[in-house]
Amino acid sequence: MRWRSETAGNVWPGQVGAVDLLGDRVRVRVDGMPAITAEVMPSAVDELKLDHGGELWVSVQPSEVTVYSP
């Protein structure tokens, strides 16, 4: 898979790997290169139809990224 840099940040294709409800937020695992885990509001799951799986494009503002060590 290819990624490209745009004014909106880094953008790359992925596929929804898992959607887990965690109280007032939802954790979405996006399988791709690179793979990411994003926390979104429950309304975003419905709006973006993330619970149906499928392909999507990920866009990330570098200043909004938090990295956790395994």
PDB file of N, CA and C in Angstrom:
ATOM      1  N   MET A   1       0.828  -1.173   0.000  1.00  0.00           N
ATOM      2  CA  MET A   1       0.000   0.000   0.000  1.00  0.00           C
ATOM      3  C   MET A   1       0.877   1.243   0.000  1.00  0.00           C
ATOM      4  N   ARG A   2       0.354   2.311  -0.535  1.00  0.00           N
ATOM      5  CA  ARG A   2       1.087   3.551  -0.655  1.00  0.00           C
ATOM      6  C   ARG A   2       0.493   4.602   0.252  1.00  0.00           C
ATOM      7  N   TRP A   3       1.313   5.499   0.770  1.00  0.00           N
ATOM      8  CA  TRP A   3       0.795   6.630   1.522  1.00  0.00           C
ATOM      9  C   TRP A   3       1.277   7.893   0.853  1.00  0.00           C
ATOM     10  N   ARG A   4       0.577   8.975   1.103  1.00  0.00           N
ATOM     11  CA  ARG A   4       0.991  10.247   0.530  1.00  0.00           C
ATOM     12  C   ARG A   4       0.790  11.340   1.566  1.00  0.00           C
ATOM     13  N   SER A   5       1.590  12.350   1.476  1.00  0.00           N
ATOM     14  CA  SER A   5       1.492  13.488   2.385  1.00  0.00           C
ATOM     15  C   SER A   5       0.673  14.584   1.711  1.00  0.00           C
ATOM     16  N   GLU A   6      -0.306  15.122   2.425  1.00  0.00           N
ATOM     17  CA  GLU A   6      -1.131  16.213   1.922  1.00  0.00           C
ATOM     18  C   GLU A   6      -1.167  17.301   2.973  1.00  0.00           C
ATOM     19  N   THR A   7      -1.762  18.407   2.644  1.00  0.00           N
ATOM     20  CA  THR A   7      -1.864  19.489   3.613  1.00  0.00           C
ATOM     21  C   THR A   7      -2.673  19.067   4.834  1.00  0.00           C
ATOM     22  N   ALA A   8      -3.572  18.101   4.679  1.00  0.00           N
ATOM     23  CA  ALA A   8      -4.384  17.621   5.797  1.00  0.00           C
ATOM     24  C   ALA A   8      -3.610  16.655   6.686  1.00  0.00           C
ATOM     25  N   GLY A   9      -2.413  16.300   6.311  1.00  0.00           N
ATOM     26  CA  GLY A   9      -1.647  15.332   7.084  1.00  0.00           C
ATOM     27  C   GLY A   9      -1.306  14.127   6.243  1.00  0.00           C
ATOM     28  N   ASN A  10      -0.963  13.058   6.885  1.00  0.00           N
ATOM     29  CA  ASN A  10      -0.638  11.816   6.179  1.00  0.00           C
ATOM     30  C   ASN A  10      -1.920  11.060   5.875  1.00  0.00           C
ATOM     31  N   VAL A  11      -1.995  10.496   4.685  1.00  0.00           N
ATOM     32  CA  VAL A  11      -3.201   9.787   4.229  1.00  0.00           C
ATOM     33  C   VAL A  11      -2.784   8.447   3.634  1.00  0.00           C
ATOM     34  N   TRP A  12      -3.491   7.367   4.025  1.00  0.00           N
ATOM     35  CA  TRP A  12      -3.196   6.053   3.453  1.00  0.00           C
ATOM     36  C   TRP A  12      -4.437   5.163   3.528  1.00  0.00           C
ATOM     37  N   PRO A  13      -4.498   4.133   2.661  1.00  0.00           N
ATOM     38  CA  PRO A  13      -5.638   3.219   2.668  1.00  0.00           C
ATOM     39  C   PRO A  13      -5.513   2.190   3.786  1.00  0.00           C
ATOM     40  N   GLY A  14      -6.650   1.692   4.236  1.00  0.00           N
ATOM     41  CA  GLY A  14      -6.668   0.654   5.256  1.00  0.00           C
ATOM     42  C   GLY A  14      -7.993  -0.081   5.224  1.00  0.00           C
ATOM     43  N   GLN A  15      -8.137  -1.001   6.148  1.00  0.00           N
ATOM     44  CA  GLN A  15      -9.377  -1.763   6.273  1.00  0.00           C
ATOM     45  C   GLN A  15      -9.711  -1.892   7.748  1.00  0.00           C
ATOM     46  N   VAL A  16     -10.980  -1.750   8.088  1.00  0.00           N
ATOM     47  CA  VAL A  16     -11.402  -1.880   9.481  1.00  0.00           C
ATOM     48  C   VAL A  16     -11.152  -3.308   9.932  1.00  0.00           C
ATOM     49  N   GLY A  17     -10.319  -3.471  10.979  1.00  0.00           N
ATOM     50  CA  GLY A  17      -9.994  -4.797  11.492  1.00  0.00           C
ATOM     51  C   GLY A  17     -10.817  -5.167  12.711  1.00  0.00           C
ATOM     52  N   ALA A  18     -11.173  -4.168  13.538  1.00  0.00           N
ATOM     53  CA  ALA A  18     -11.956  -4.421  14.743  1.00  0.00           C
ATOM     54  C   ALA A  18     -12.564  -3.116  15.223  1.00  0.00           C
ATOM     55  N   VAL A  19     -13.731  -3.220  15.860  1.00  0.00           N
ATOM     56  CA  VAL A  19     -14.421  -2.080  16.457  1.00  0.00           C
ATOM     57  C   VAL A  19     -14.844  -2.509  17.861  1.00  0.00           C
ATOM     58  N   ASP A  20     -14.294  -1.838  18.893  1.00  0.00           N
ATOM     59  CA  ASP A  20     -14.566  -2.213  20.280  1.00  0.00           C
ATOM     60  C   ASP A  20     -15.130  -1.028  21.054  1.00  0.00           C
ATOM     61  N   LEU A  21     -16.304  -1.222  21.671  1.00  0.00           N
ATOM     62  CA  LEU A  21     -16.929  -0.194  22.492  1.00  0.00           C
ATOM     63  C   LEU A  21     -16.233  -0.133  23.845  1.00  0.00           C
ATOM     64  N   LEU A  22     -15.805   1.056  24.256  1.00  0.00           N
ATOM     65  CA  LEU A  22     -15.112   1.257  25.527  1.00  0.00           C
ATOM     66  C   LEU A  22     -15.776   2.410  26.277  1.00  0.00           C
ATOM     67  N   GLY A  23     -16.971   2.169  26.794  1.00  0.00           N
ATOM     68  CA  GLY A  23     -17.681   3.225  27.516  1.00  0.00           C
ATOM     69  C   GLY A  23     -18.164   4.312  26.577  1.00  0.00           C
ATOM     70  N   ASP A  24     -17.625   5.541  26.737  1.00  0.00           N
ATOM     71  CA  ASP A  24     -18.074   6.674  25.929  1.00  0.00           C
ATOM     72  C   ASP A  24     -17.254   6.870  24.659  1.00  0.00           C
ATOM     73  N   ARG A  25     -16.411   5.923  24.324  1.00  0.00           N
ATOM     74  CA  ARG A  25     -15.617   6.007  23.107  1.00  0.00           C
ATOM     75  C   ARG A  25     -15.548   4.623  22.450  1.00  0.00           C
ATOM     76  N   VAL A  26     -15.088   4.619  21.221  1.00  0.00           N
ATOM     77  CA  VAL A  26     -14.963   3.376  20.458  1.00  0.00           C
ATOM     78  C   VAL A  26     -13.544   3.291  19.927  1.00  0.00           C
ATOM     79  N   ARG A  27     -12.917   2.149  20.106  1.00  0.00           N
ATOM     80  CA  ARG A  27     -11.566   1.920  19.597  1.00  0.00           C
ATOM     81  C   ARG A  27     -11.682   1.163  18.277  1.00  0.00           C
ATOM     82  N   VAL A  28     -11.097   1.727  17.237  1.00  0.00           N
ATOM     83  CA  VAL A  28     -11.154   1.147  15.895  1.00  0.00           C
ATOM     84  C   VAL A  28      -9.737   0.763  15.475  1.00  0.00           C
ATOM     85  N   ARG A  29      -9.550  -0.517  15.153  1.00  0.00           N
ATOM     86  CA  ARG A  29      -8.261  -0.959  14.624  1.00  0.00           C
ATOM     87  C   ARG A  29      -8.345  -0.922  13.105  1.00  0.00           C
ATOM     88  N   VAL A  30      -7.392  -0.206  12.509  1.00  0.00           N
ATOM     89  CA  VAL A  30      -7.330  -0.107  11.060  1.00  0.00           C
ATOM     90  C   VAL A  30      -6.106  -0.879  10.593  1.00  0.00           C
ATOM     91  N   ASP A  31      -6.355  -1.934   9.812  1.00  0.00           N
ATOM     92  CA  ASP A  31      -5.267  -2.741   9.267  1.00  0.00           C
ATOM     93  C   ASP A  31      -4.799  -2.101   7.973  1.00  0.00           C
ATOM     94  N   GLY A  32      -3.521  -1.876   7.890  1.00  0.00           N
ATOM     95  CA  GLY A  32      -2.922  -1.265   6.709  1.00  0.00           C
ATOM     96  C   GLY A  32      -1.439  -1.104   6.976  1.00  0.00           C
ATOM     97  N   MET A  33      -0.802  -0.307   6.148  1.00  0.00           N
ATOM     98  CA  MET A  33       0.616  -0.063   6.329  1.00  0.00           C
ATOM     99  C   MET A  33       0.817   1.434   6.412  1.00  0.00           C
ATOM    100  N   PRO A  34       0.940   2.010   7.571  1.00  0.00           N
ATOM    101  CA  PRO A  34       1.042   1.352   8.868  1.00  0.00           C
ATOM    102  C   PRO A  34      -0.337   1.041   9.446  1.00  0.00           C
ATOM    103  N   ALA A  35      -0.390   0.070  10.351  1.00  0.00           N
ATOM    104  CA  ALA A  35      -1.624  -0.242  11.072  1.00  0.00           C
ATOM    105  C   ALA A  35      -1.765   0.781  12.197  1.00  0.00           C
ATOM    106  N   ILE A  36      -2.993   1.207  12.471  1.00  0.00           N
ATOM    107  CA  ILE A  36      -3.217   2.154  13.563  1.00  0.00           C
ATOM    108  C   ILE A  36      -4.423   1.730  14.379  1.00  0.00           C
ATOM    109  N   THR A  37      -4.514   2.262  15.573  1.00  0.00           N
ATOM    110  CA  THR A  37      -5.711   2.142  16.400  1.00  0.00           C
ATOM    111  C   THR A  37      -6.164   3.554  16.703  1.00  0.00           C
ATOM    112  N   ALA A  38      -7.416   3.842  16.410  1.00  0.00           N
ATOM    113  CA  ALA A  38      -7.969   5.175  16.622  1.00  0.00           C
ATOM    114  C   ALA A  38      -9.124   5.095  17.606  1.00  0.00           C
ATOM    115  N   GLU A  39      -9.250   6.107  18.452  1.00  0.00           N
ATOM    116  CA  GLU A  39     -10.406   6.203  19.338  1.00  0.00           C
ATOM    117  C   GLU A  39     -11.317   7.285  18.790  1.00  0.00           C
ATOM    118  N   VAL A  40     -12.580   6.915  18.583  1.00  0.00           N
ATOM    119  CA  VAL A  40     -13.557   7.820  18.001  1.00  0.00           C
ATOM    120  C   VAL A  40     -14.811   7.854  18.860  1.00  0.00           C
ATOM    121  N   MET A  41     -15.634   8.846  18.628  1.00  0.00           N
ATOM    122  CA  MET A  41     -16.921   8.950  19.310  1.00  0.00           C
ATOM    123  C   MET A  41     -17.873   7.902  18.731  1.00  0.00           C
ATOM    124  N   PRO A  42     -18.812   7.383  19.544  1.00  0.00           N
ATOM    125  CA  PRO A  42     -19.770   6.402  19.026  1.00  0.00           C
ATOM    126  C   PRO A  42     -20.547   6.908  17.806  1.00  0.00           C
ATOM    127  N   SER A  43     -20.847   8.194  17.757  1.00  0.00           N
ATOM    128  CA  SER A  43     -21.581   8.737  16.609  1.00  0.00           C
ATOM    129  C   SER A  43     -20.780   8.595  15.310  1.00  0.00           C
ATOM    130  N   ALA A  44     -19.449   8.611  15.389  1.00  0.00           N
ATOM    131  CA  ALA A  44     -18.603   8.452  14.198  1.00  0.00           C
ATOM    132  C   ALA A  44     -18.716   7.047  13.626  1.00  0.00           C
ATOM    133  N   VAL A  45     -18.925   6.057  14.484  1.00  0.00           N
ATOM    134  CA  VAL A  45     -19.066   4.676  14.015  1.00  0.00           C
ATOM    135  C   VAL A  45     -20.285   4.565  13.115  1.00  0.00           C
ATOM    136  N   ASP A  46     -21.404   5.164  13.545  1.00  0.00           N
ATOM    137  CA  ASP A  46     -22.618   5.140  12.728  1.00  0.00           C
ATOM    138  C   ASP A  46     -22.462   5.984  11.469  1.00  0.00           C
ATOM    139  N   GLU A  47     -21.943   7.196  11.641  1.00  0.00           N
ATOM    140  CA  GLU A  47     -21.814   8.123  10.522  1.00  0.00           C
ATOM    141  C   GLU A  47     -20.911   7.580   9.418  1.00  0.00           C
ATOM    142  N   LEU A  48     -19.804   6.957   9.812  1.00  0.00           N
ATOM    143  CA  LEU A  48     -18.834   6.440   8.848  1.00  0.00           C
ATOM    144  C   LEU A  48     -19.031   4.961   8.521  1.00  0.00           C
ATOM    145  N   LYS A  49     -20.030   4.337   9.161  1.00  0.00           N
ATOM    146  CA  LYS A  49     -20.346   2.915   8.945  1.00  0.00           C
ATOM    147  C   LYS A  49     -19.134   2.024   9.213  1.00  0.00           C
ATOM    148  N   LEU A  50     -18.405   2.348  10.281  1.00  0.00           N
ATOM    149  CA  LEU A  50     -17.194   1.601  10.623  1.00  0.00           C
ATOM    150  C   LEU A  50     -17.492   0.189  11.098  1.00  0.00           C
ATOM    151  N   ASP A  51     -18.678  -0.045  11.654  1.00  0.00           N
ATOM    152  CA  ASP A  51     -19.017  -1.375  12.151  1.00  0.00           C
ATOM    153  C   ASP A  51     -19.295  -2.360  11.018  1.00  0.00           C
ATOM    154  N   HIS A  52     -19.339  -1.894   9.789  1.00  0.00           N
ATOM    155  CA  HIS A  52     -19.559  -2.778   8.646  1.00  0.00           C
ATOM    156  C   HIS A  52     -18.252  -3.287   8.061  1.00  0.00           C
ATOM    157  N   GLY A  53     -17.134  -2.862   8.630  1.00  0.00           N
ATOM    158  CA  GLY A  53     -15.842  -3.258   8.084  1.00  0.00           C
ATOM    159  C   GLY A  53     -15.600  -2.551   6.772  1.00  0.00           C
ATOM    160  N   GLY A  54     -14.805  -3.145   5.943  1.00  0.00           N
ATOM    161  CA  GLY A  54     -14.569  -2.568   4.629  1.00  0.00           C
ATOM    162  C   GLY A  54     -13.357  -1.662   4.578  1.00  0.00           C
ATOM    163  N   GLU A  55     -13.126  -1.142   3.387  1.00  0.00           N
ATOM    164  CA  GLU A  55     -11.957  -0.304   3.150  1.00  0.00           C
ATOM    165  C   GLU A  55     -12.269   1.143   3.486  1.00  0.00           C
ATOM    166  N   LEU A  56     -11.209   1.880   3.835  1.00  0.00           N
ATOM    167  CA  LEU A  56     -11.339   3.294   4.128  1.00  0.00           C
ATOM    168  C   LEU A  56     -10.002   3.973   3.909  1.00  0.00           C
ATOM    169  N   TRP A  57     -10.006   5.297   3.960  1.00  0.00           N
ATOM    170  CA  TRP A  57      -8.776   6.082   3.910  1.00  0.00           C
ATOM    171  C   TRP A  57      -8.585   6.709   5.269  1.00  0.00           C
ATOM    172  N   VAL A  58      -7.370   6.643   5.786  1.00  0.00           N
ATOM    173  CA  VAL A  58      -7.028   7.217   7.080  1.00  0.00           C
ATOM    174  C   VAL A  58      -6.281   8.520   6.840  1.00  0.00           C
ATOM    175  N   SER A  59      -6.664   9.553   7.575  1.00  0.00           N
ATOM    176  CA  SER A  59      -5.973  10.832   7.508  1.00  0.00           C
ATOM    177  C   SER A  59      -5.626  11.242   8.930  1.00  0.00           C
ATOM    178  N   VAL A  60      -4.369  11.573   9.153  1.00  0.00           N
ATOM    179  CA  VAL A  60      -3.908  11.882  10.508  1.00  0.00           C
ATOM    180  C   VAL A  60      -3.126  13.190  10.509  1.00  0.00           C
ATOM    181  N   GLN A  61      -3.491  14.073  11.419  1.00  0.00           N
ATOM    182  CA  GLN A  61      -2.696  15.270  11.658  1.00  0.00           C
ATOM    183  C   GLN A  61      -1.533  14.846  12.543  1.00  0.00           C
ATOM    184  N   PRO A  62      -0.290  15.013  12.113  1.00  0.00           N
ATOM    185  CA  PRO A  62       0.854  14.576  12.925  1.00  0.00           C
ATOM    186  C   PRO A  62       0.850  15.142  14.346  1.00  0.00           C
ATOM    187  N   SER A  63       0.331  16.319  14.543  1.00  0.00           N
ATOM    188  CA  SER A  63       0.306  16.917  15.882  1.00  0.00           C
ATOM    189  C   SER A  63      -0.724  16.262  16.803  1.00  0.00           C
ATOM    190  N   GLU A  64      -1.614  15.426  16.241  1.00  0.00           N
ATOM    191  CA  GLU A  64      -2.666  14.773  17.018  1.00  0.00           C
ATOM    192  C   GLU A  64      -2.355  13.317  17.343  1.00  0.00           C
ATOM    193  N   VAL A  65      -1.148  12.855  17.053  1.00  0.00           N
ATOM    194  CA  VAL A  65      -0.774  11.459  17.252  1.00  0.00           C
ATOM    195  C   VAL A  65      -0.160  11.259  18.634  1.00  0.00           C
ATOM    196  N   THR A  66      -0.600  10.203  19.330  1.00  0.00           N
ATOM    197  CA  THR A  66       0.006   9.780  20.584  1.00  0.00           C
ATOM    198  C   THR A  66       0.525   8.368  20.381  1.00  0.00           C
ATOM    199  N   VAL A  67       1.771   8.123  20.722  1.00  0.00           N
ATOM    200  CA  VAL A  67       2.390   6.817  20.527  1.00  0.00           C
ATOM    201  C   VAL A  67       2.572   6.138  21.875  1.00  0.00           C
ATOM    202  N   TYR A  68       2.166   4.869  21.967  1.00  0.00           N
ATOM    203  CA  TYR A  68       2.318   4.078  23.181  1.00  0.00           C
ATOM    204  C   TYR A  68       3.267   2.922  22.892  1.00  0.00           C
ATOM    205  N   SER A  69       4.186   2.658  23.783  1.00  0.00           N
ATOM    206  CA  SER A  69       5.095   1.513  23.631  1.00  0.00           C
ATOM    207  C   SER A  69       4.369   0.234  23.984  1.00  0.00           C
ATOM    208  N   PRO A  70       4.677  -0.863  23.287  1.00  0.00           N
ATOM    209  CA  PRO A  70       4.022  -2.153  23.588  1.00  0.00           C
ATOM    210  C   PRO A  70       4.507  -2.729  24.908  1.00  0.00           C
TER     211      PRO A  70
END
